[in-house]
Amino acid sequence: MRIHRTSTILLAAAFLSTLTLSLRAQSPEARERQQAVASFVEEQFFSTRGRAFHITTDKPLYRPGEVIWFRAWEVIVRDFSSSSVDHGITVQLLDPRGAKVAEKRILSRGGVATNDFVIAPSLPGGNYTLRLVSDLGGQHDHLIQVSTYEVPRLKKVVEFTRSSYAPGDMVTALIHVEKATGESLTGGRVTANLTLGRSSLAVFGVPIDGKGNGVVRFQVPPGMKESNLLLTLNADAGGIVETLQRRVPVVLDQITVGIFPEGGDLVVDIPSRVYLMARDDQGKPVEVEGNVVDDQGAVVGTFKSFHDGMARVPLTPKAGRSYVVRLSRPGAPITPIPVARTDGCVLRSEDDFLSRSSSLKATVTCSGARKLVAAATLREKLLASAPLDVAAGTPTSVELPLPADTVGAVRVTIFDAEKRPQAERLVYRGLGRELRVQITTDRKVYSPRDRVTLTVKTTTAEGKPVAADVALAVVDDAVLRLANSKTPHLLSELYLLYEMPGQTIHEPNFYFSGDKKAPEAMDLLVATQGYRRFSWAWVPR
């Protein structure tokens, strides 16, 4: 392949210069193979300049008659830089049925646009959408809730410790109740009422500690045939009585299990891993347990979902055998595993959920001898590549050194000598290395109408100061709790959702929350909802 465009050569220059030392140690054939794939990848990216968007509003929940203040960012995906070209943006407010309520033309300067919409007092409640359409191409939707709510005088939170339960399971729910002013519920009473349909199953008191925390435990009825199990929390704070109701996420037998062989395909006699994702008929996660069973009834693997119905299980498929996933809890139809190929390659990444290594490491095993190239790309950039000479049935390690500032879902692809992809998966790198934002106040306690002074500091993960464009909204946290919004924030929007177009991710912000389960759960997420099967294609020149 010949590349005549100076701009393309410049885009590849930084990458190619980093390969100089490693290329000297390679054979001429391996060097030529690696450079051909590098040129191919850069050629593919030269034709695209993707744009990503993020919209933030001053709050997630509004009353009819209020004003929606919004700020929209538009960035170039390659480096998250702002567009240097001022341009127009069309912003629409759509009602719950998708009908246009209002529309504005606004100007984007430096990749940032701000404006507002007034919600007419006559508009009904429901989920509204802010839709942004850029003159430079691209569209983005942002969900907004509209309701005729009353601001609660008590802050009430109910969080279930699992995303779903089956009949007979023990349920644990974490409770938090405090006054809207932040005072503890001293002398107050909290009562929980468990109902199934119109029948009350149990009523019991919930002890609340000095910090407003409590725990509710109960069993899902073993013979339950309908899923409308409700937990109602009644809080009485000396005359202030409020209620919070949550549906217990009980799943019966309406379950779909997605099967995702790591790297793309299973290959006979080559050890691999199969990733699983269980969802109910509403697309919500289902916590599952089960086995992988062959066509002779032998159990060859067991699994239990780690987070949001996702799991993985090792599998070495044998010639002439077929395999299924059979759930033991809860029950569901048996799901077949894709039939293993007799010829091909398996890509298996090395677990490094916290990116402790400066390199991305993986193993490639093929049914026959292959001359390959491994490539790591992220947001339309080639990060690293390496040639591989793989012997038949022999695991071959590959190590791809990545820039220290790599953050996001890296696309790892194994190409053959003809630049045809043989295996591919996403591997998330740099979790926790995102921009740090610290907000401090000039005082610890304020009275109504006091002046508040905030100091905002933005740094790298290493603590180095960095310039940033910041949007700040001040809103009653009782409204935030009432909205119970799961709207993606800036990190999940740009680092994660952009890599998974068309996917609806359940609570995407969790993966950036600092929860100890988040790093391993992120691996499960990118291997299931980020499942890739060789979407490369030649771009005509």
Protein backbone atom coordinates (compact mmCIF):
# COMPACT_ATOMS: atom_id res chain seq x y z
CA MET A 1 0.00 0.00 0.00
CA ARG A 2 1.31 3.45 -0.87
CA ILE A 3 0.38 6.52 1.12
CA HIS A 4 0.91 9.84 -0.61
CA ARG A 5 -0.83 12.17 1.83
CA THR A 6 1.57 14.25 3.92
CA SER A 7 -1.05 14.58 6.69
CA THR A 8 -1.34 10.81 7.00
CA ILE A 9 2.43 10.47 7.26
CA LEU A 10 2.50 13.11 9.99
CA LEU A 11 -0.24 11.29 11.92
CA ALA A 12 1.81 8.09 11.85
CA ALA A 13 5.19 9.74 12.47
CA ALA A 14 5.06 9.76 16.27
CA PHE A 15 4.01 6.11 16.34
CA LEU A 16 6.59 4.95 13.80
CA SER A 17 9.43 6.75 15.58
CA THR A 18 8.72 4.82 18.78
CA LEU A 19 9.11 1.57 16.87
CA THR A 20 12.60 2.27 15.57
CA LEU A 21 14.50 0.32 18.23
CA SER A 22 12.19 -2.71 18.18
CA LEU A 23 12.16 -2.82 14.38
CA ARG A 24 15.93 -3.06 14.22
CA ALA A 25 15.77 -6.36 16.12
CA GLN A 26 13.18 -7.84 13.75
CA SER A 27 13.64 -9.71 10.51
CA PRO A 28 13.02 -7.71 7.33
CA GLU A 29 9.86 -9.77 6.68
CA ALA A 30 8.45 -9.13 10.16
CA ARG A 31 9.33 -5.44 9.93
CA GLU A 32 7.60 -5.12 6.56
CA ARG A 33 4.53 -6.96 7.89
CA GLN A 34 4.29 -4.72 10.94
CA GLN A 35 4.70 -1.52 8.93
CA ALA A 36 2.06 -2.67 6.43
CA VAL A 37 -0.50 -3.15 9.21
CA ALA A 38 0.46 0.18 10.80
CA SER A 39 -0.09 1.93 7.48
CA PHE A 40 -3.40 0.12 6.99
CA VAL A 41 -4.68 1.16 10.41
CA GLU A 42 -3.65 4.78 9.92
CA GLU A 43 -5.28 4.73 6.48
CA GLN A 44 -8.54 3.60 8.05
CA PHE A 45 -8.44 6.36 10.65
CA PHE A 46 -7.45 9.03 8.16
CA SER A 47 -10.91 8.85 6.63
CA THR A 48 -12.68 9.45 9.95
CA ARG A 49 -12.67 12.29 12.41
CA GLY A 50 -15.22 11.21 14.96
CA ARG A 51 -16.89 13.68 17.27
CA ALA A 52 -18.24 13.02 20.74
CA PHE A 53 -20.77 15.04 22.71
CA HIS A 54 -21.80 15.58 26.28
CA ILE A 55 -24.71 17.62 27.60
CA THR A 56 -25.03 18.64 31.21
CA THR A 57 -28.01 20.38 32.81
CA ASP A 58 -28.33 22.25 36.08
CA LYS A 59 -30.39 19.37 37.52
CA PRO A 60 -31.99 16.09 36.34
CA LEU A 61 -35.54 16.82 37.53
CA TYR A 62 -37.75 19.82 36.68
CA ARG A 63 -41.26 21.06 37.32
CA PRO A 64 -43.47 22.41 34.52
CA GLY A 65 -42.79 26.15 34.28
CA GLU A 66 -39.11 25.88 35.28
CA VAL A 67 -36.08 26.69 33.12
CA ILE A 68 -33.64 24.06 31.86
CA TRP A 69 -30.12 25.47 31.77
CA PHE A 70 -27.76 23.36 29.71
CA ARG A 71 -24.15 23.26 28.53
CA ALA A 72 -22.99 21.15 25.59
CA TRP A 73 -19.46 20.03 24.81
CA GLU A 74 -18.39 18.85 21.35
CA VAL A 75 -14.92 17.32 21.11
CA ILE A 76 -12.80 15.60 18.49
CA VAL A 77 -12.50 11.99 19.59
CA ARG A 78 -8.85 11.52 18.58
CA ASP A 79 -7.50 13.79 21.33
CA PHE A 80 -10.61 15.28 23.00
CA SER A 81 -9.64 18.67 21.64
CA SER A 82 -12.25 21.33 20.96
CA SER A 83 -13.21 22.30 17.45
CA SER A 84 -11.36 25.38 16.30
CA VAL A 85 -14.24 26.24 13.97
CA ASP A 86 -17.21 28.15 15.35
CA HIS A 87 -20.38 26.57 14.04
CA GLY A 88 -24.09 26.26 14.57
CA ILE A 89 -25.94 23.67 16.64
CA THR A 90 -29.63 22.83 16.54
CA VAL A 91 -31.05 21.92 19.95
CA GLN A 92 -34.54 20.47 20.33
CA LEU A 93 -36.68 19.69 23.35
CA LEU A 94 -38.72 16.53 22.68
CA ASP A 95 -41.67 15.33 24.74
CA PRO A 96 -42.05 11.71 26.03
CA ARG A 97 -43.60 10.68 22.68
CA GLY A 98 -40.73 12.18 20.67
CA ALA A 99 -42.70 15.19 19.42
CA LYS A 100 -40.80 18.48 19.16
CA VAL A 101 -41.80 20.94 21.89
CA ALA A 102 -39.22 23.65 21.20
CA GLU A 103 -36.16 24.27 19.04
CA LYS A 104 -33.24 26.70 19.08
CA ARG A 105 -30.28 27.49 16.87
CA ILE A 106 -27.23 28.33 18.97
CA LEU A 107 -23.54 28.98 18.34
CA SER A 108 -20.76 26.64 19.45
CA ARG A 109 -17.50 28.43 20.23
CA GLY A 110 -14.40 26.45 21.05
CA GLY A 111 -16.52 23.32 21.24
CA VAL A 112 -18.85 24.71 23.94
CA ALA A 113 -22.44 25.89 23.62
CA THR A 114 -24.81 27.07 26.36
CA ASN A 115 -28.45 28.06 26.41
CA ASP A 116 -31.80 27.30 28.05
CA PHE A 117 -35.35 26.09 27.48
CA VAL A 118 -38.45 27.12 29.40
CA ILE A 119 -40.75 24.20 30.22
CA ALA A 120 -44.25 25.45 29.54
CA PRO A 121 -46.49 25.17 32.65
CA SER A 122 -49.04 23.21 30.58
CA LEU A 123 -46.62 20.44 29.63
CA PRO A 124 -47.32 17.02 31.18
CA GLY A 125 -44.76 15.12 33.23
CA GLY A 126 -42.56 12.38 31.85
CA ASN A 127 -39.13 11.74 30.33
CA TYR A 128 -38.14 14.54 27.96
CA THR A 129 -35.12 14.63 25.64
CA LEU A 130 -32.66 17.37 24.80
CA ARG A 131 -31.42 16.57 21.28
CA LEU A 132 -28.29 18.22 19.91
CA VAL A 133 -27.50 18.18 16.17
CA SER A 134 -24.17 19.70 15.13
CA ASP A 135 -23.67 21.43 11.78
CA LEU A 136 -20.34 19.58 11.60
CA GLY A 137 -22.13 16.23 11.88
CA GLY A 138 -23.31 14.13 14.77
CA GLN A 139 -26.29 13.96 17.08
CA HIS A 140 -26.62 13.45 20.83
CA ASP A 141 -29.58 12.95 23.19
CA HIS A 142 -29.82 13.79 26.88
CA LEU A 143 -32.68 12.58 29.09
CA ILE A 144 -34.54 14.97 31.43
CA GLN A 145 -37.32 14.19 33.91
CA VAL A 146 -40.30 16.53 34.27
CA SER A 147 -42.69 16.07 37.19
CA THR A 148 -44.99 18.09 39.46
CA TYR A 149 -43.04 17.02 42.52
CA GLU A 150 -42.83 18.46 46.01
CA VAL A 151 -39.35 18.83 47.50
CA PRO A 152 -39.14 16.20 50.25
CA ARG A 153 -38.40 17.30 53.79
CA LEU A 154 -36.64 14.03 54.47
CA LYS A 155 -33.81 12.49 52.43
CA LYS A 156 -34.62 8.83 51.85
CA VAL A 157 -32.55 6.25 49.98
CA VAL A 158 -33.11 2.53 49.43
CA GLU A 159 -30.36 0.58 47.66
CA PHE A 160 -30.52 -3.16 47.00
CA THR A 161 -27.18 -4.94 47.24
CA ARG A 162 -27.86 -6.98 44.10
CA SER A 163 -29.30 -6.03 40.73
CA SER A 164 -31.82 -8.90 40.80
CA TYR A 165 -33.27 -11.69 42.97
CA ALA A 166 -34.98 -15.02 42.35
CA PRO A 167 -37.86 -16.57 44.35
CA GLY A 168 -36.48 -17.84 47.66
CA ASP A 169 -33.47 -15.45 47.68
CA MET A 170 -32.63 -13.38 50.74
CA VAL A 171 -32.78 -9.65 49.99
CA THR A 172 -30.61 -7.03 51.68
CA ALA A 173 -31.51 -3.36 51.23
CA LEU A 174 -29.40 -0.49 52.59
CA ILE A 175 -31.48 2.38 54.02
CA HIS A 176 -30.48 5.99 54.60
CA VAL A 177 -32.84 8.57 56.14
CA GLU A 178 -32.06 12.06 57.39
CA LYS A 179 -33.70 15.47 57.52
CA ALA A 180 -33.36 17.69 54.46
CA THR A 181 -31.14 20.01 56.52
CA GLY A 182 -28.68 17.15 57.08
CA GLU A 183 -29.67 16.48 60.71
CA SER A 184 -29.95 12.89 61.86
CA LEU A 185 -33.35 11.30 62.46
CA THR A 186 -33.08 11.51 66.25
CA GLY A 187 -36.19 10.07 67.86
CA GLY A 188 -37.72 9.30 64.47
CA ARG A 189 -39.22 6.00 63.36
CA VAL A 190 -38.85 4.11 60.11
CA THR A 191 -41.19 1.29 59.12
CA ALA A 192 -40.87 -1.03 56.13
CA ASN A 193 -43.88 -2.62 54.43
CA LEU A 194 -43.39 -5.53 52.01
CA THR A 195 -46.29 -6.10 49.61
CA LEU A 196 -46.99 -8.47 46.72
CA GLY A 197 -49.69 -7.11 44.50
CA ARG A 198 -52.48 -6.02 46.87
CA SER A 199 -51.36 -8.31 49.71
CA SER A 200 -49.18 -7.17 52.60
CA LEU A 201 -46.53 -9.79 53.39
CA ALA A 202 -44.75 -8.14 56.31
CA VAL A 203 -44.50 -4.90 58.27
CA PHE A 204 -41.45 -4.30 60.45
CA GLY A 205 -39.48 -1.51 62.06
CA VAL A 206 -36.05 -0.52 60.74
CA PRO A 207 -33.43 0.54 63.31
CA ILE A 208 -31.62 3.69 62.12
CA ASP A 209 -28.21 4.61 63.58
CA GLY A 210 -26.90 8.08 64.40
CA LYS A 211 -25.76 8.60 60.81
CA GLY A 212 -29.16 7.79 59.36
CA ASN A 213 -28.24 4.31 58.12
CA GLY A 214 -30.19 1.08 58.47
CA VAL A 215 -30.52 -2.36 56.90
CA VAL A 216 -33.61 -4.28 55.78
CA ARG A 217 -33.48 -8.04 55.22
CA PHE A 218 -36.27 -10.31 53.99
CA GLN A 219 -36.87 -13.35 51.81
CA VAL A 220 -38.48 -13.30 48.38
CA PRO A 221 -41.51 -15.65 48.58
CA PRO A 222 -40.27 -19.07 47.30
CA GLY A 223 -43.37 -19.80 45.23
CA MET A 224 -43.70 -16.32 43.77
CA LYS A 225 -45.39 -16.29 40.34
CA GLU A 226 -45.52 -12.52 39.69
CA SER A 227 -42.75 -9.95 39.95
CA ASN A 228 -44.59 -6.97 41.49
CA LEU A 229 -42.93 -7.19 44.93
CA LEU A 230 -42.73 -3.72 46.53
CA LEU A 231 -40.78 -2.38 49.49
CA THR A 232 -42.33 0.75 51.00
CA LEU A 233 -40.40 2.85 53.48
CA ASN A 234 -42.42 5.05 55.88
CA ALA A 235 -40.37 7.61 57.83
CA ASP A 236 -41.75 9.64 60.74
CA ALA A 237 -39.52 12.44 62.02
CA GLY A 238 -41.61 13.98 64.77
CA GLY A 239 -44.55 15.04 62.65
CA ILE A 240 -42.78 14.96 59.29
CA VAL A 241 -44.06 11.78 57.63
CA GLU A 242 -42.88 10.74 54.17
CA THR A 243 -42.89 7.59 52.07
CA LEU A 244 -40.49 6.04 49.57
CA GLN A 245 -41.39 3.00 47.48
CA ARG A 246 -39.07 0.75 45.47
CA ARG A 247 -39.84 -2.28 43.34
CA VAL A 248 -37.79 -5.30 44.44
CA PRO A 249 -35.97 -6.49 41.27
CA VAL A 250 -37.34 -10.04 41.20
CA VAL A 251 -36.80 -12.04 38.01
CA LEU A 252 -38.79 -15.17 37.25
CA ASP A 253 -38.05 -16.96 33.98
CA GLN A 254 -37.96 -14.22 31.33
CA ILE A 255 -34.18 -14.30 30.94
CA THR A 256 -31.91 -13.94 27.92
CA VAL A 257 -28.26 -14.97 28.16
CA GLY A 258 -25.77 -13.44 25.73
CA ILE A 259 -22.69 -15.53 24.90
CA PHE A 260 -19.44 -13.81 23.90
CA PRO A 261 -16.31 -15.92 23.18
CA GLU A 262 -13.22 -13.87 23.99
CA GLY A 263 -11.56 -12.52 20.88
CA GLY A 264 -14.45 -13.42 18.60
CA ASP A 265 -14.57 -17.19 18.09
CA LEU A 266 -13.97 -20.47 19.89
CA VAL A 267 -11.47 -22.78 18.20
CA VAL A 268 -11.32 -26.56 18.73
CA ASP A 269 -8.75 -27.70 21.35
CA ILE A 270 -7.61 -24.13 22.18
CA PRO A 271 -8.25 -22.88 25.75
CA SER A 272 -10.48 -19.84 25.75
CA ARG A 273 -12.89 -17.88 27.92
CA VAL A 274 -16.58 -17.33 27.33
CA TYR A 275 -18.14 -14.13 28.69
CA LEU A 276 -21.82 -14.13 29.65
CA MET A 277 -24.44 -11.42 30.14
CA ALA A 278 -27.95 -12.14 31.52
CA ARG A 279 -30.88 -9.74 31.03
CA ASP A 280 -34.62 -9.86 31.75
CA ASP A 281 -37.39 -9.05 29.27
CA GLN A 282 -36.96 -5.33 30.07
CA GLY A 283 -33.23 -5.41 29.35
CA LYS A 284 -32.29 -5.12 33.04
CA PRO A 285 -29.42 -7.16 34.54
CA VAL A 286 -30.19 -10.53 36.14
CA GLU A 287 -27.87 -12.13 38.68
CA VAL A 288 -27.34 -15.76 37.66
CA GLU A 289 -25.52 -18.97 38.50
CA GLY A 290 -25.09 -21.98 36.29
CA ASN A 291 -23.00 -24.47 34.37
CA VAL A 292 -21.55 -25.06 30.95
CA VAL A 293 -22.67 -28.53 29.84
CA ASP A 294 -21.61 -30.55 26.78
CA ASP A 295 -23.89 -32.62 24.56
CA GLN A 296 -23.19 -35.73 26.65
CA GLY A 297 -24.43 -34.06 29.83
CA ALA A 298 -20.99 -33.51 31.38
CA VAL A 299 -20.45 -30.27 33.31
CA VAL A 300 -17.28 -28.66 31.95
CA GLY A 301 -17.52 -25.30 33.73
CA THR A 302 -19.42 -23.38 36.40
CA PHE A 303 -20.03 -19.67 36.83
CA LYS A 304 -21.70 -17.06 39.00
CA SER A 305 -22.34 -13.51 37.87
CA PHE A 306 -19.89 -11.02 39.33
CA HIS A 307 -21.77 -7.78 38.59
CA ASP A 308 -25.00 -6.89 36.80
CA GLY A 309 -25.55 -10.38 35.42
CA MET A 310 -22.07 -10.66 33.84
CA ALA A 311 -19.64 -13.53 34.27
CA ARG A 312 -16.93 -15.44 32.47
CA VAL A 313 -16.05 -19.12 32.37
CA PRO A 314 -13.04 -20.97 30.87
CA LEU A 315 -13.76 -23.42 28.06
CA THR A 316 -11.61 -25.63 25.83
CA PRO A 317 -13.98 -26.90 23.14
CA LYS A 318 -13.42 -30.43 21.82
CA ALA A 319 -13.91 -31.69 18.30
CA GLY A 320 -17.40 -33.03 17.68
CA ARG A 321 -18.79 -31.64 20.95
CA SER A 322 -21.40 -28.91 21.40
CA TYR A 323 -22.00 -26.86 24.54
CA VAL A 324 -24.82 -25.00 26.27
CA VAL A 325 -25.22 -22.64 29.21
CA ARG A 326 -27.70 -24.00 31.74
CA LEU A 327 -28.75 -21.69 34.57
CA SER A 328 -29.26 -23.17 38.01
CA ARG A 329 -30.50 -19.92 39.55
CA PRO A 330 -32.89 -18.60 38.43
CA GLY A 331 -34.29 -21.05 35.91
CA ALA A 332 -34.34 -20.13 32.23
CA PRO A 333 -34.21 -21.69 28.78
CA ILE A 334 -30.93 -23.39 27.88
CA THR A 335 -28.65 -21.18 25.76
CA PRO A 336 -26.33 -22.76 23.16
CA ILE A 337 -22.70 -21.64 22.93
CA PRO A 338 -21.51 -20.82 19.39
CA VAL A 339 -19.96 -23.84 17.68
CA ALA A 340 -16.17 -23.86 17.77
CA ARG A 341 -14.27 -23.45 14.52
CA THR A 342 -11.74 -26.05 13.45
CA ASP A 343 -9.40 -23.34 12.15
CA GLY A 344 -8.61 -19.94 13.60
CA CYS A 345 -6.94 -17.98 16.38
CA VAL A 346 -7.90 -17.23 19.98
CA LEU A 347 -6.92 -13.95 21.69
CA ARG A 348 -6.75 -13.97 25.47
CA SER A 349 -5.86 -10.81 27.39
CA GLU A 350 -3.86 -10.92 30.60
CA ASP A 351 -5.86 -9.72 33.60
CA ASP A 352 -4.53 -6.33 34.65
CA PHE A 353 -7.69 -4.54 35.71
CA LEU A 354 -5.82 -1.66 37.40
CA SER A 355 -3.28 -1.22 34.56
CA ARG A 356 -0.32 -1.78 36.85
CA SER A 357 1.83 -2.78 33.87
CA SER A 358 2.88 -0.14 31.35
CA SER A 359 2.19 -2.66 28.59
CA LEU A 360 -0.94 -4.43 27.45
CA LYS A 361 -0.23 -8.16 27.55
CA ALA A 362 -2.08 -10.96 25.79
CA THR A 363 -1.69 -14.50 24.47
CA VAL A 364 -2.48 -15.64 20.94
CA THR A 365 -3.00 -19.31 20.07
CA CYS A 366 -3.84 -20.54 16.57
CA SER A 367 -4.83 -23.91 15.12
CA GLY A 368 -2.08 -23.63 12.50
CA ALA A 369 1.15 -21.71 12.05
CA ARG A 370 0.52 -18.02 11.40
CA LYS A 371 2.47 -14.85 10.69
CA LEU A 372 0.49 -12.14 12.49
CA VAL A 373 0.57 -8.56 13.75
CA ALA A 374 -1.03 -7.39 17.00
CA ALA A 375 -2.27 -3.79 17.02
CA ALA A 376 -3.64 -1.63 19.85
CA THR A 377 -5.79 1.35 18.89
CA LEU A 378 -7.76 3.91 20.87
CA ARG A 379 -10.00 6.72 19.69
CA GLU A 380 -8.78 6.70 16.07
CA LYS A 381 -5.10 6.42 17.03
CA LEU A 382 -2.65 3.55 16.67
CA LEU A 383 -0.94 3.15 20.05
CA ALA A 384 1.34 0.15 19.46
CA SER A 385 1.87 -2.89 17.26
CA ALA A 386 4.06 -6.00 17.24
CA PRO A 387 4.70 -8.88 14.79
CA LEU A 388 3.95 -12.44 15.92
CA ASP A 389 5.12 -15.76 14.52
CA VAL A 390 2.75 -18.31 16.01
CA ALA A 391 3.38 -22.06 15.84
CA ALA A 392 0.42 -24.43 15.54
CA GLY A 393 -1.35 -24.89 18.89
CA THR A 394 1.36 -23.01 20.79
CA PRO A 395 0.40 -20.03 23.01
CA THR A 396 2.44 -16.99 21.99
CA SER A 397 2.73 -13.96 24.24
CA VAL A 398 2.49 -10.42 22.92
CA GLU A 399 3.33 -7.23 24.79
CA LEU A 400 2.18 -3.86 23.51
CA PRO A 401 3.78 -0.87 25.29
CA LEU A 402 1.21 1.91 25.73
CA PRO A 403 1.68 5.64 26.38
CA ALA A 404 1.56 6.47 30.08
CA ASP A 405 -1.53 8.67 29.62
CA THR A 406 -3.63 5.96 27.94
CA VAL A 407 -7.19 6.01 29.32
CA GLY A 408 -10.12 4.23 27.70
CA ALA A 409 -11.28 1.07 25.95
CA VAL A 410 -8.29 -0.04 23.87
CA ARG A 411 -9.12 -2.10 20.78
CA VAL A 412 -6.70 -5.02 20.44
CA THR A 413 -6.74 -6.68 17.01
CA ILE A 414 -4.76 -9.59 15.60
CA PHE A 415 -4.17 -9.20 11.85
CA ASP A 416 -2.74 -11.77 9.47
CA ALA A 417 -0.08 -10.93 6.85
CA GLU A 418 -2.83 -9.84 4.44
CA LYS A 419 -4.16 -7.37 7.03
CA ARG A 420 -7.27 -9.46 7.68
CA PRO A 421 -8.41 -9.47 11.33
CA GLN A 422 -8.28 -12.86 13.04
CA ALA A 423 -9.30 -11.98 16.60
CA GLU A 424 -10.23 -8.83 18.50
CA ARG A 425 -11.48 -7.52 21.84
CA LEU A 426 -11.64 -4.37 23.94
CA VAL A 427 -9.42 -3.99 27.02
CA TYR A 428 -10.00 -1.04 29.33
CA ARG A 429 -6.82 0.75 30.44
CA GLY A 430 -6.13 3.56 32.87
CA LEU A 431 -9.19 3.25 35.09
CA GLY A 432 -8.76 5.80 37.88
CA ARG A 433 -6.30 7.95 35.94
CA GLU A 434 -8.90 10.44 34.81
CA LEU A 435 -8.86 14.16 35.57
CA ARG A 436 -9.32 14.94 39.27
CA VAL A 437 -11.74 17.68 40.30
CA GLN A 438 -11.66 18.92 43.90
CA ILE A 439 -14.18 21.39 45.33
CA THR A 440 -13.62 23.09 48.69
CA THR A 441 -15.77 25.63 50.51
CA ASP A 442 -14.68 28.62 52.58
CA ARG A 443 -16.77 27.38 55.55
CA LYS A 444 -18.05 24.04 56.85
CA VAL A 445 -21.54 25.22 57.79
CA TYR A 446 -23.83 27.84 56.25
CA SER A 447 -27.14 29.41 57.18
CA PRO A 448 -29.91 30.23 54.69
CA ARG A 449 -28.93 33.13 52.37
CA ASP A 450 -25.27 33.02 53.40
CA ARG A 451 -22.73 33.73 50.66
CA VAL A 452 -20.76 30.62 49.62
CA THR A 453 -17.30 30.74 48.08
CA LEU A 454 -16.05 27.63 46.31
CA THR A 455 -12.54 26.78 45.16
CA VAL A 456 -12.31 24.35 42.25
CA LYS A 457 -9.01 22.60 41.55
CA THR A 458 -8.36 20.34 38.56
CA THR A 459 -5.32 18.06 38.44
CA THR A 460 -4.04 14.97 36.69
CA ALA A 461 -4.19 11.64 38.52
CA GLU A 462 -0.63 12.35 39.66
CA GLY A 463 -1.68 15.66 41.23
CA LYS A 464 -0.26 18.00 38.57
CA PRO A 465 -2.39 21.12 37.92
CA VAL A 466 -4.13 21.20 34.53
CA ALA A 467 -6.38 23.73 32.80
CA ALA A 468 -9.99 22.62 32.35
CA ASP A 469 -13.40 23.85 31.23
CA VAL A 470 -15.71 23.35 34.22
CA ALA A 471 -19.49 23.47 34.52
CA LEU A 472 -20.91 23.93 38.03
CA ALA A 473 -24.51 23.57 39.16
CA VAL A 474 -25.92 24.12 42.65
CA VAL A 475 -29.11 22.22 43.43
CA ASP A 476 -30.93 20.82 46.46
CA ASP A 477 -29.61 17.28 46.94
CA ALA A 478 -33.11 16.24 48.01
CA VAL A 479 -34.12 16.84 44.38
CA LEU A 480 -31.19 14.73 43.17
CA ARG A 481 -32.23 11.86 45.41
CA LEU A 482 -35.83 12.21 44.30
CA ALA A 483 -34.81 12.04 40.64
CA ASN A 484 -32.67 8.92 41.22
CA SER A 485 -31.00 9.78 37.92
CA LYS A 486 -28.69 7.31 36.14
CA THR A 487 -27.72 9.80 33.42
CA PRO A 488 -24.15 9.13 32.17
CA HIS A 489 -21.60 11.62 33.39
CA LEU A 490 -18.72 13.03 31.36
CA LEU A 491 -16.28 10.17 32.04
CA SER A 492 -18.64 7.35 31.11
CA GLU A 493 -19.94 9.30 28.10
CA LEU A 494 -16.54 9.93 26.50
CA TYR A 495 -14.36 7.07 27.73
CA LEU A 496 -16.89 4.25 27.59
CA LEU A 497 -20.18 4.83 25.77
CA TYR A 498 -18.49 6.19 22.65
CA GLU A 499 -16.81 2.79 22.18
CA MET A 500 -20.15 0.96 22.40
CA PRO A 501 -22.50 2.63 19.92
CA GLY A 502 -26.05 1.36 20.06
CA GLN A 503 -25.62 -0.22 23.49
CA THR A 504 -27.61 0.68 26.59
CA ILE A 505 -25.37 0.22 29.61
CA HIS A 506 -27.01 -0.22 32.99
CA GLU A 507 -25.63 2.44 35.37
CA PRO A 508 -22.49 3.30 33.36
CA ASN A 509 -21.24 5.68 36.05
CA PHE A 510 -20.66 2.72 38.40
CA TYR A 511 -17.54 1.72 36.49
CA PHE A 512 -15.86 5.01 37.42
CA SER A 513 -17.18 5.10 40.99
CA GLY A 514 -14.14 3.82 42.87
CA ASP A 515 -16.11 0.77 44.02
CA LYS A 516 -13.70 -2.13 44.59
CA LYS A 517 -15.68 -4.26 42.14
CA ALA A 518 -15.52 -1.69 39.35
CA PRO A 519 -12.19 -2.67 37.69
CA GLU A 520 -13.08 -6.35 37.23
CA ALA A 521 -16.66 -5.44 36.31
CA MET A 522 -15.27 -3.11 33.63
CA ASP A 523 -13.47 -6.06 32.03
CA LEU A 524 -16.73 -8.01 31.92
CA LEU A 525 -18.54 -5.02 30.44
CA VAL A 526 -16.11 -4.35 27.57
CA ALA A 527 -15.95 -8.08 26.75
CA THR A 528 -19.76 -8.36 26.51
CA GLN A 529 -21.36 -5.07 25.48
CA GLY A 530 -18.09 -4.07 23.83
CA TYR A 531 -17.88 -7.38 21.94
CA ARG A 532 -16.21 -6.90 18.56
CA ARG A 533 -16.05 -9.20 15.58
CA PHE A 534 -13.66 -7.72 13.05
CA SER A 535 -15.43 -4.56 11.93
CA TRP A 536 -12.41 -3.38 9.94
CA ALA A 537 -12.97 -2.71 6.24
CA TRP A 538 -10.87 -1.25 3.45
CA VAL A 539 -11.53 2.40 2.69
CA PRO A 540 -11.25 3.05 -1.06
CA ARG A 541 -8.68 5.65 -2.12
